[in-house]
Amino acid sequence: MQIRRANDDDWPEVAAIFIAARAGMTYLPKLHSDAETKLFIRRVVKRSEVWLAERNGSIIGFAALEPASPQAWLHHLYVDPAAQNAGAGSALLAKAKAELPGGFSLWTFQANLGARRFYERHGLTETRRTDGAGNEENLPDILYGWNGNSGNAK
């Protein structure tokens, strides 16, 4: 597996992974068409620091980072459903930690038990829960933090 920085031409594959991964999250309402989602992901790839996991020349996952201060964010980490549980997510999270050594935060839905186990297994700590009023899906979510090289959560 290779980890590399995305370029502007990678957005269609990134969008396909995003759409496929979220399609399996049956608790999510479908708020946007695939065309709208593709435009959104195109902007993410253009404006964010996006890292890709590739296997045999195919993109199988991505992580979108925002290193801006005062707080850095991991906005998206998705792996193609056919490639999950084979190390791509762990490799992308390790890359996020390497690129954001001072720490970062991320949101995940409370219903996303797999993501919650994944992040907790990799040393992130829950810092806050909400009722979902602040996200467009209106679903309860959790803020996680990783406090950088010290290994402690924010």
N, C-alpha and C. Protein backbone atom coordinates (compact mmCIF):
# COMPACT_ATOMS: atom_id res chain seq x y z
N MET A 1 0.85 -1.18 0.00
CA MET A 1 0.00 0.00 0.00
C MET A 1 0.89 1.24 0.00
N GLN A 2 0.48 2.22 -0.75
CA GLN A 2 1.19 3.50 -0.83
C GLN A 2 0.28 4.60 -0.30
N ILE A 3 0.88 5.60 0.36
CA ILE A 3 0.16 6.80 0.76
C ILE A 3 0.78 7.95 -0.02
N ARG A 4 -0.06 8.71 -0.70
CA ARG A 4 0.45 9.85 -1.47
C ARG A 4 -0.53 11.01 -1.38
N ARG A 5 -0.02 12.19 -1.68
CA ARG A 5 -0.84 13.41 -1.68
C ARG A 5 -1.72 13.40 -2.93
N ALA A 6 -2.96 13.77 -2.77
CA ALA A 6 -3.89 13.85 -3.89
C ALA A 6 -3.54 15.04 -4.77
N ASN A 7 -3.87 14.91 -6.05
CA ASN A 7 -3.79 16.06 -6.94
C ASN A 7 -5.21 16.36 -7.44
N ASP A 8 -5.35 17.46 -8.12
CA ASP A 8 -6.69 17.90 -8.55
C ASP A 8 -7.42 16.88 -9.41
N ASP A 9 -6.69 16.03 -10.11
CA ASP A 9 -7.31 15.04 -10.99
C ASP A 9 -7.83 13.80 -10.26
N ASP A 10 -7.54 13.68 -8.98
CA ASP A 10 -7.95 12.50 -8.21
C ASP A 10 -9.38 12.58 -7.69
N TRP A 11 -10.02 13.73 -7.82
CA TRP A 11 -11.32 13.91 -7.17
C TRP A 11 -12.39 12.91 -7.60
N PRO A 12 -12.46 12.45 -8.86
CA PRO A 12 -13.53 11.50 -9.18
C PRO A 12 -13.44 10.19 -8.38
N GLU A 13 -12.23 9.68 -8.20
CA GLU A 13 -12.06 8.44 -7.42
C GLU A 13 -12.35 8.69 -5.95
N VAL A 14 -11.92 9.84 -5.45
CA VAL A 14 -12.20 10.20 -4.06
C VAL A 14 -13.70 10.31 -3.84
N ALA A 15 -14.39 10.95 -4.77
CA ALA A 15 -15.85 11.09 -4.65
C ALA A 15 -16.53 9.72 -4.68
N ALA A 16 -16.06 8.82 -5.53
CA ALA A 16 -16.66 7.48 -5.61
C ALA A 16 -16.51 6.75 -4.27
N ILE A 17 -15.37 6.88 -3.63
CA ILE A 17 -15.15 6.24 -2.32
C ILE A 17 -16.07 6.87 -1.28
N PHE A 18 -16.15 8.18 -1.26
CA PHE A 18 -17.01 8.89 -0.31
C PHE A 18 -18.46 8.43 -0.46
N ILE A 19 -18.95 8.40 -1.69
CA ILE A 19 -20.34 8.01 -1.94
C ILE A 19 -20.57 6.55 -1.55
N ALA A 20 -19.66 5.67 -1.91
CA ALA A 20 -19.82 4.24 -1.59
C ALA A 20 -19.78 4.00 -0.08
N ALA A 21 -18.85 4.64 0.60
CA ALA A 21 -18.73 4.44 2.05
C ALA A 21 -19.96 4.96 2.78
N ARG A 22 -20.44 6.11 2.40
CA ARG A 22 -21.61 6.68 3.07
C ARG A 22 -22.90 5.93 2.71
N ALA A 23 -22.94 5.30 1.56
CA ALA A 23 -24.12 4.50 1.19
C ALA A 23 -24.32 3.35 2.16
N GLY A 24 -23.23 2.85 2.72
CA GLY A 24 -23.33 1.77 3.70
C GLY A 24 -23.72 2.22 5.09
N MET A 25 -23.76 3.50 5.31
CA MET A 25 -24.14 4.06 6.61
C MET A 25 -25.65 4.29 6.58
N THR A 26 -26.39 3.25 6.85
CA THR A 26 -27.83 3.28 6.66
C THR A 26 -28.55 4.28 7.58
N TYR A 27 -27.91 4.74 8.61
CA TYR A 27 -28.51 5.72 9.52
C TYR A 27 -28.47 7.14 8.94
N LEU A 28 -27.68 7.36 7.89
CA LEU A 28 -27.55 8.70 7.31
C LEU A 28 -28.70 9.02 6.37
N PRO A 29 -29.30 10.20 6.51
CA PRO A 29 -30.27 10.62 5.50
C PRO A 29 -29.51 11.03 4.24
N LYS A 30 -30.10 10.81 3.08
CA LYS A 30 -29.48 11.24 1.82
C LYS A 30 -29.94 12.66 1.54
N LEU A 31 -29.08 13.62 1.83
CA LEU A 31 -29.43 15.03 1.72
C LEU A 31 -29.00 15.65 0.39
N HIS A 32 -28.07 15.00 -0.31
CA HIS A 32 -27.52 15.56 -1.53
C HIS A 32 -27.50 14.51 -2.63
N SER A 33 -27.67 14.97 -3.85
CA SER A 33 -27.55 14.07 -5.00
C SER A 33 -26.07 13.67 -5.17
N ASP A 34 -25.84 12.61 -5.93
CA ASP A 34 -24.45 12.22 -6.21
C ASP A 34 -23.72 13.34 -6.93
N ALA A 35 -24.40 14.05 -7.82
CA ALA A 35 -23.77 15.16 -8.55
C ALA A 35 -23.34 16.27 -7.58
N GLU A 36 -24.19 16.60 -6.62
CA GLU A 36 -23.83 17.61 -5.62
C GLU A 36 -22.66 17.14 -4.77
N THR A 37 -22.68 15.86 -4.40
CA THR A 37 -21.60 15.30 -3.59
C THR A 37 -20.28 15.33 -4.35
N LYS A 38 -20.32 15.03 -5.63
CA LYS A 38 -19.10 15.07 -6.45
C LYS A 38 -18.53 16.48 -6.50
N LEU A 39 -19.37 17.49 -6.64
CA LEU A 39 -18.88 18.87 -6.63
C LEU A 39 -18.27 19.23 -5.28
N PHE A 40 -18.90 18.77 -4.21
CA PHE A 40 -18.36 19.01 -2.86
C PHE A 40 -16.98 18.38 -2.73
N ILE A 41 -16.84 17.13 -3.12
CA ILE A 41 -15.56 16.43 -2.99
C ILE A 41 -14.50 17.07 -3.90
N ARG A 42 -14.90 17.52 -5.06
CA ARG A 42 -13.95 18.21 -5.94
C ARG A 42 -13.36 19.41 -5.23
N ARG A 43 -14.21 20.18 -4.52
CA ARG A 43 -13.73 21.33 -3.75
C ARG A 43 -12.83 20.89 -2.60
N VAL A 44 -13.20 19.80 -1.92
CA VAL A 44 -12.37 19.30 -0.82
C VAL A 44 -10.97 18.96 -1.32
N VAL A 45 -10.88 18.25 -2.44
CA VAL A 45 -9.57 17.85 -2.98
C VAL A 45 -8.76 19.09 -3.39
N LYS A 46 -9.44 20.07 -3.93
CA LYS A 46 -8.74 21.28 -4.38
C LYS A 46 -8.25 22.14 -3.21
N ARG A 47 -9.04 22.21 -2.14
CA ARG A 47 -8.76 23.18 -1.06
C ARG A 47 -8.11 22.58 0.18
N SER A 48 -8.24 21.28 0.38
CA SER A 48 -7.72 20.66 1.59
C SER A 48 -6.44 19.89 1.31
N GLU A 49 -5.80 19.47 2.35
CA GLU A 49 -4.64 18.59 2.24
C GLU A 49 -5.19 17.16 2.26
N VAL A 50 -5.32 16.55 1.09
CA VAL A 50 -5.92 15.23 0.97
C VAL A 50 -4.83 14.20 0.68
N TRP A 51 -4.86 13.14 1.47
CA TRP A 51 -3.91 12.03 1.32
C TRP A 51 -4.69 10.80 0.88
N LEU A 52 -4.07 10.04 -0.01
CA LEU A 52 -4.71 8.86 -0.59
C LEU A 52 -3.98 7.59 -0.20
N ALA A 53 -4.74 6.54 0.02
CA ALA A 53 -4.19 5.19 0.16
C ALA A 53 -4.42 4.50 -1.17
N GLU A 54 -3.35 3.95 -1.74
CA GLU A 54 -3.44 3.24 -3.01
C GLU A 54 -2.92 1.82 -2.85
N ARG A 55 -3.59 0.93 -3.54
CA ARG A 55 -3.12 -0.45 -3.60
C ARG A 55 -3.18 -0.87 -5.06
N ASN A 56 -2.06 -1.38 -5.57
CA ASN A 56 -1.98 -1.82 -6.97
C ASN A 56 -2.46 -0.74 -7.94
N GLY A 57 -2.12 0.51 -7.66
CA GLY A 57 -2.47 1.62 -8.54
C GLY A 57 -3.88 2.14 -8.41
N SER A 58 -4.68 1.57 -7.52
CA SER A 58 -6.06 2.02 -7.33
C SER A 58 -6.21 2.73 -5.99
N ILE A 59 -6.92 3.84 -6.00
CA ILE A 59 -7.19 4.57 -4.77
C ILE A 59 -8.24 3.80 -3.97
N ILE A 60 -7.92 3.50 -2.72
CA ILE A 60 -8.84 2.73 -1.88
C ILE A 60 -9.31 3.49 -0.64
N GLY A 61 -8.75 4.67 -0.41
CA GLY A 61 -9.17 5.46 0.75
C GLY A 61 -8.55 6.84 0.71
N PHE A 62 -9.09 7.73 1.54
CA PHE A 62 -8.55 9.09 1.60
C PHE A 62 -8.78 9.70 2.97
N ALA A 63 -7.95 10.69 3.27
CA ALA A 63 -8.09 11.49 4.48
C ALA A 63 -7.91 12.94 4.08
N ALA A 64 -8.82 13.81 4.53
CA ALA A 64 -8.75 15.24 4.23
C ALA A 64 -8.41 16.00 5.51
N LEU A 65 -7.29 16.70 5.49
CA LEU A 65 -6.78 17.41 6.66
C LEU A 65 -6.90 18.91 6.46
N GLU A 66 -7.11 19.60 7.56
CA GLU A 66 -7.09 21.06 7.60
C GLU A 66 -6.12 21.45 8.70
N PRO A 67 -4.87 21.77 8.32
CA PRO A 67 -3.87 22.08 9.34
C PRO A 67 -3.95 23.49 9.90
N ALA A 68 -4.99 24.25 9.57
CA ALA A 68 -5.10 25.64 9.99
C ALA A 68 -5.11 25.78 11.51
N SER A 69 -4.58 26.90 11.97
CA SER A 69 -4.61 27.19 13.39
C SER A 69 -5.85 28.02 13.70
N PRO A 70 -6.34 28.09 14.90
CA PRO A 70 -5.67 27.54 16.08
C PRO A 70 -5.89 26.03 16.27
N GLN A 71 -6.77 25.42 15.50
CA GLN A 71 -7.05 24.00 15.69
C GLN A 71 -7.01 23.29 14.35
N ALA A 72 -6.32 22.16 14.31
CA ALA A 72 -6.25 21.34 13.10
C ALA A 72 -7.39 20.33 13.12
N TRP A 73 -7.82 19.94 11.90
CA TRP A 73 -8.96 19.03 11.77
C TRP A 73 -8.65 17.90 10.81
N LEU A 74 -9.18 16.75 11.12
CA LEU A 74 -9.29 15.65 10.18
C LEU A 74 -10.77 15.65 9.80
N HIS A 75 -11.08 16.18 8.61
CA HIS A 75 -12.47 16.36 8.22
C HIS A 75 -13.10 15.10 7.64
N HIS A 76 -12.32 14.30 6.94
CA HIS A 76 -12.86 13.10 6.30
C HIS A 76 -11.80 12.01 6.33
N LEU A 77 -12.21 10.81 6.67
CA LEU A 77 -11.38 9.62 6.50
C LEU A 77 -12.33 8.51 6.07
N TYR A 78 -12.20 8.12 4.82
CA TYR A 78 -13.08 7.10 4.25
C TYR A 78 -12.26 6.08 3.48
N VAL A 79 -12.67 4.83 3.59
CA VAL A 79 -12.05 3.73 2.85
C VAL A 79 -13.14 3.05 2.05
N ASP A 80 -12.80 2.68 0.82
CA ASP A 80 -13.74 1.95 -0.03
C ASP A 80 -14.25 0.74 0.74
N PRO A 81 -15.56 0.51 0.77
CA PRO A 81 -16.09 -0.63 1.54
C PRO A 81 -15.43 -1.97 1.19
N ALA A 82 -15.06 -2.17 -0.06
CA ALA A 82 -14.42 -3.43 -0.47
C ALA A 82 -13.00 -3.57 0.07
N ALA A 83 -12.41 -2.46 0.53
CA ALA A 83 -11.03 -2.48 1.02
C ALA A 83 -10.93 -2.26 2.52
N GLN A 84 -12.06 -2.21 3.21
CA GLN A 84 -12.02 -1.95 4.65
C GLN A 84 -11.45 -3.13 5.42
N ASN A 85 -10.93 -2.81 6.60
CA ASN A 85 -10.34 -3.78 7.52
C ASN A 85 -9.09 -4.45 6.96
N ALA A 86 -8.34 -3.71 6.14
CA ALA A 86 -7.10 -4.25 5.56
C ALA A 86 -5.93 -3.28 5.75
N GLY A 87 -6.09 -2.28 6.64
CA GLY A 87 -4.97 -1.41 6.98
C GLY A 87 -4.97 -0.02 6.36
N ALA A 88 -5.82 0.23 5.37
CA ALA A 88 -5.80 1.55 4.72
C ALA A 88 -6.20 2.65 5.70
N GLY A 89 -7.25 2.44 6.47
CA GLY A 89 -7.67 3.45 7.43
C GLY A 89 -6.59 3.74 8.47
N SER A 90 -5.95 2.69 8.96
CA SER A 90 -4.87 2.88 9.94
C SER A 90 -3.71 3.64 9.32
N ALA A 91 -3.36 3.32 8.07
CA ALA A 91 -2.27 4.02 7.40
C ALA A 91 -2.61 5.49 7.18
N LEU A 92 -3.85 5.78 6.80
CA LEU A 92 -4.26 7.17 6.60
C LEU A 92 -4.29 7.93 7.92
N LEU A 93 -4.75 7.30 8.98
CA LEU A 93 -4.76 7.97 10.28
C LEU A 93 -3.32 8.22 10.76
N ALA A 94 -2.43 7.28 10.53
CA ALA A 94 -1.02 7.48 10.88
C ALA A 94 -0.44 8.66 10.10
N LYS A 95 -0.82 8.78 8.82
CA LYS A 95 -0.36 9.92 8.02
C LYS A 95 -0.91 11.22 8.58
N ALA A 96 -2.17 11.23 8.99
CA ALA A 96 -2.76 12.43 9.59
C ALA A 96 -1.98 12.81 10.85
N LYS A 97 -1.63 11.84 11.67
CA LYS A 97 -0.86 12.12 12.88
C LYS A 97 0.52 12.67 12.54
N ALA A 98 1.14 12.13 11.48
CA ALA A 98 2.46 12.61 11.08
C ALA A 98 2.39 14.04 10.51
N GLU A 99 1.34 14.34 9.77
CA GLU A 99 1.19 15.66 9.16
C GLU A 99 0.70 16.71 10.15
N LEU A 100 0.00 16.28 11.19
CA LEU A 100 -0.54 17.19 12.20
C LEU A 100 -0.01 16.78 13.58
N PRO A 101 1.32 16.86 13.77
CA PRO A 101 1.93 16.34 15.01
C PRO A 101 1.52 17.08 16.27
N GLY A 102 0.96 18.27 16.12
CA GLY A 102 0.48 19.01 17.28
C GLY A 102 -0.90 18.60 17.74
N GLY A 103 -1.53 17.69 16.99
CA GLY A 103 -2.85 17.20 17.35
C GLY A 103 -3.92 17.70 16.41
N PHE A 104 -5.09 17.12 16.52
CA PHE A 104 -6.23 17.48 15.68
C PHE A 104 -7.51 16.98 16.33
N SER A 105 -8.61 17.46 15.78
CA SER A 105 -9.94 17.02 16.20
C SER A 105 -10.69 16.49 15.00
N LEU A 106 -11.74 15.73 15.27
CA LEU A 106 -12.62 15.23 14.22
C LEU A 106 -13.98 14.94 14.82
N TRP A 107 -14.99 14.95 13.95
CA TRP A 107 -16.35 14.59 14.34
C TRP A 107 -16.71 13.25 13.72
N THR A 108 -17.48 12.46 14.44
CA THR A 108 -18.10 11.27 13.87
C THR A 108 -19.49 11.14 14.48
N PHE A 109 -20.35 10.45 13.78
CA PHE A 109 -21.70 10.26 14.29
C PHE A 109 -21.71 9.22 15.40
N GLN A 110 -22.54 9.45 16.42
CA GLN A 110 -22.64 8.48 17.51
C GLN A 110 -23.04 7.11 16.98
N ALA A 111 -23.84 7.06 15.93
CA ALA A 111 -24.29 5.78 15.36
C ALA A 111 -23.19 5.04 14.61
N ASN A 112 -22.07 5.69 14.33
CA ASN A 112 -20.99 5.07 13.58
C ASN A 112 -20.07 4.32 14.55
N LEU A 113 -20.56 3.17 15.01
CA LEU A 113 -19.83 2.41 16.02
C LEU A 113 -18.48 1.93 15.53
N GLY A 114 -18.38 1.56 14.26
CA GLY A 114 -17.10 1.12 13.71
C GLY A 114 -16.05 2.22 13.76
N ALA A 115 -16.43 3.42 13.36
CA ALA A 115 -15.50 4.55 13.40
C ALA A 115 -15.11 4.87 14.84
N ARG A 116 -16.06 4.82 15.73
CA ARG A 116 -15.76 5.12 17.13
C ARG A 116 -14.75 4.12 17.69
N ARG A 117 -14.95 2.84 17.43
CA ARG A 117 -13.98 1.83 17.89
C ARG A 117 -12.62 2.06 17.26
N PHE A 118 -12.61 2.36 15.97
CA PHE A 118 -11.37 2.60 15.23
C PHE A 118 -10.59 3.76 15.85
N TYR A 119 -11.24 4.91 16.04
CA TYR A 119 -10.54 6.07 16.57
C TYR A 119 -10.07 5.83 18.00
N GLU A 120 -10.88 5.22 18.81
CA GLU A 120 -10.48 4.95 20.20
C GLU A 120 -9.31 3.96 20.25
N ARG A 121 -9.32 2.96 19.37
CA ARG A 121 -8.23 1.99 19.30
C ARG A 121 -6.92 2.67 18.90
N HIS A 122 -7.02 3.77 18.16
CA HIS A 122 -5.83 4.48 17.71
C HIS A 122 -5.49 5.70 18.57
N GLY A 123 -6.01 5.75 19.78
CA GLY A 123 -5.58 6.74 20.75
C GLY A 123 -6.32 8.06 20.77
N LEU A 124 -7.41 8.18 20.02
CA LEU A 124 -8.20 9.40 20.10
C LEU A 124 -9.18 9.28 21.25
N THR A 125 -9.53 10.40 21.82
CA THR A 125 -10.39 10.42 22.98
C THR A 125 -11.61 11.30 22.74
N GLU A 126 -12.73 10.81 23.18
CA GLU A 126 -13.96 11.59 23.09
C GLU A 126 -13.85 12.82 23.97
N THR A 127 -14.20 13.98 23.40
CA THR A 127 -14.14 15.21 24.18
C THR A 127 -15.51 15.87 24.36
N ARG A 128 -16.46 15.53 23.47
CA ARG A 128 -17.79 16.15 23.60
C ARG A 128 -18.79 15.36 22.76
N ARG A 129 -20.05 15.36 23.20
CA ARG A 129 -21.17 14.80 22.44
C ARG A 129 -22.19 15.89 22.22
N THR A 130 -22.88 15.79 21.07
CA THR A 130 -23.96 16.74 20.82
C THR A 130 -25.20 15.97 20.39
N ASP A 131 -26.31 16.68 20.36
CA ASP A 131 -27.57 16.08 19.92
C ASP A 131 -27.75 16.13 18.41
N GLY A 132 -26.76 16.67 17.69
CA GLY A 132 -26.82 16.75 16.25
C GLY A 132 -27.41 18.03 15.70
N ALA A 133 -27.82 18.93 16.56
CA ALA A 133 -28.44 20.18 16.08
C ALA A 133 -27.47 21.01 15.24
N GLY A 134 -26.16 20.78 15.39
CA GLY A 134 -25.18 21.58 14.67
C GLY A 134 -24.69 20.97 13.37
N ASN A 135 -25.21 19.80 12.98
CA ASN A 135 -24.80 19.22 11.69
C ASN A 135 -26.00 19.10 10.77
N GLU A 136 -25.73 19.08 9.47
CA GLU A 136 -26.85 19.11 8.52
C GLU A 136 -27.68 17.83 8.53
N GLU A 137 -27.13 16.74 9.02
CA GLU A 137 -27.88 15.49 9.10
C GLU A 137 -28.81 15.45 10.31
N ASN A 138 -28.58 16.35 11.27
CA ASN A 138 -29.33 16.40 12.53
C ASN A 138 -29.23 15.09 13.30
N LEU A 139 -28.02 14.50 13.28
CA LEU A 139 -27.77 13.25 13.99
C LEU A 139 -26.78 13.48 15.12
N PRO A 140 -27.01 12.86 16.27
CA PRO A 140 -26.07 13.01 17.38
C PRO A 140 -24.66 12.64 16.95
N ASP A 141 -23.69 13.46 17.40
CA ASP A 141 -22.31 13.21 17.02
C ASP A 141 -21.37 13.32 18.20
N ILE A 142 -20.11 12.99 17.94
CA ILE A 142 -19.07 12.98 18.96
C ILE A 142 -17.85 13.70 18.42
N LEU A 143 -17.27 14.57 19.22
CA LEU A 143 -16.01 15.21 18.90
C LEU A 143 -14.89 14.39 19.54
N TYR A 144 -13.93 13.99 18.71
CA TYR A 144 -12.75 13.27 19.19
C TYR A 144 -11.54 14.17 19.03
N GLY A 145 -10.53 13.93 19.87
CA GLY A 145 -9.29 14.68 19.77
C GLY A 145 -8.08 13.78 19.92
N TRP A 146 -7.02 14.18 19.27
CA TRP A 146 -5.70 13.57 19.44
C TRP A 146 -4.74 14.71 19.71
N ASN A 147 -4.01 14.62 20.82
CA ASN A 147 -3.20 15.74 21.29
C ASN A 147 -1.76 15.68 20.82
N GLY A 148 -1.55 15.06 19.71
CA GLY A 148 -0.22 15.09 19.13
C GLY A 148 0.73 14.09 19.73
N ASN A 149 1.99 14.40 19.56
CA ASN A 149 3.04 13.44 19.91
C ASN A 149 3.09 13.06 21.37
N SER A 150 2.41 13.82 22.22
CA SER A 150 2.37 13.43 23.64
C SER A 150 1.51 12.19 23.84
N GLY A 151 0.65 11.89 22.83
CA GLY A 151 -0.19 10.70 22.92
C GLY A 151 -1.47 10.91 23.69
N ASN A 152 -1.66 12.08 24.26
CA ASN A 152 -2.89 12.33 25.02
C ASN A 152 -3.91 13.03 24.15
N ALA A 153 -5.17 12.82 24.46
CA ALA A 153 -6.24 13.47 23.69
C ALA A 153 -6.37 14.93 24.10
N LYS A 154 -6.98 15.69 23.22
CA LYS A 154 -7.25 17.11 23.53
C LYS A 154 -8.27 17.22 24.61
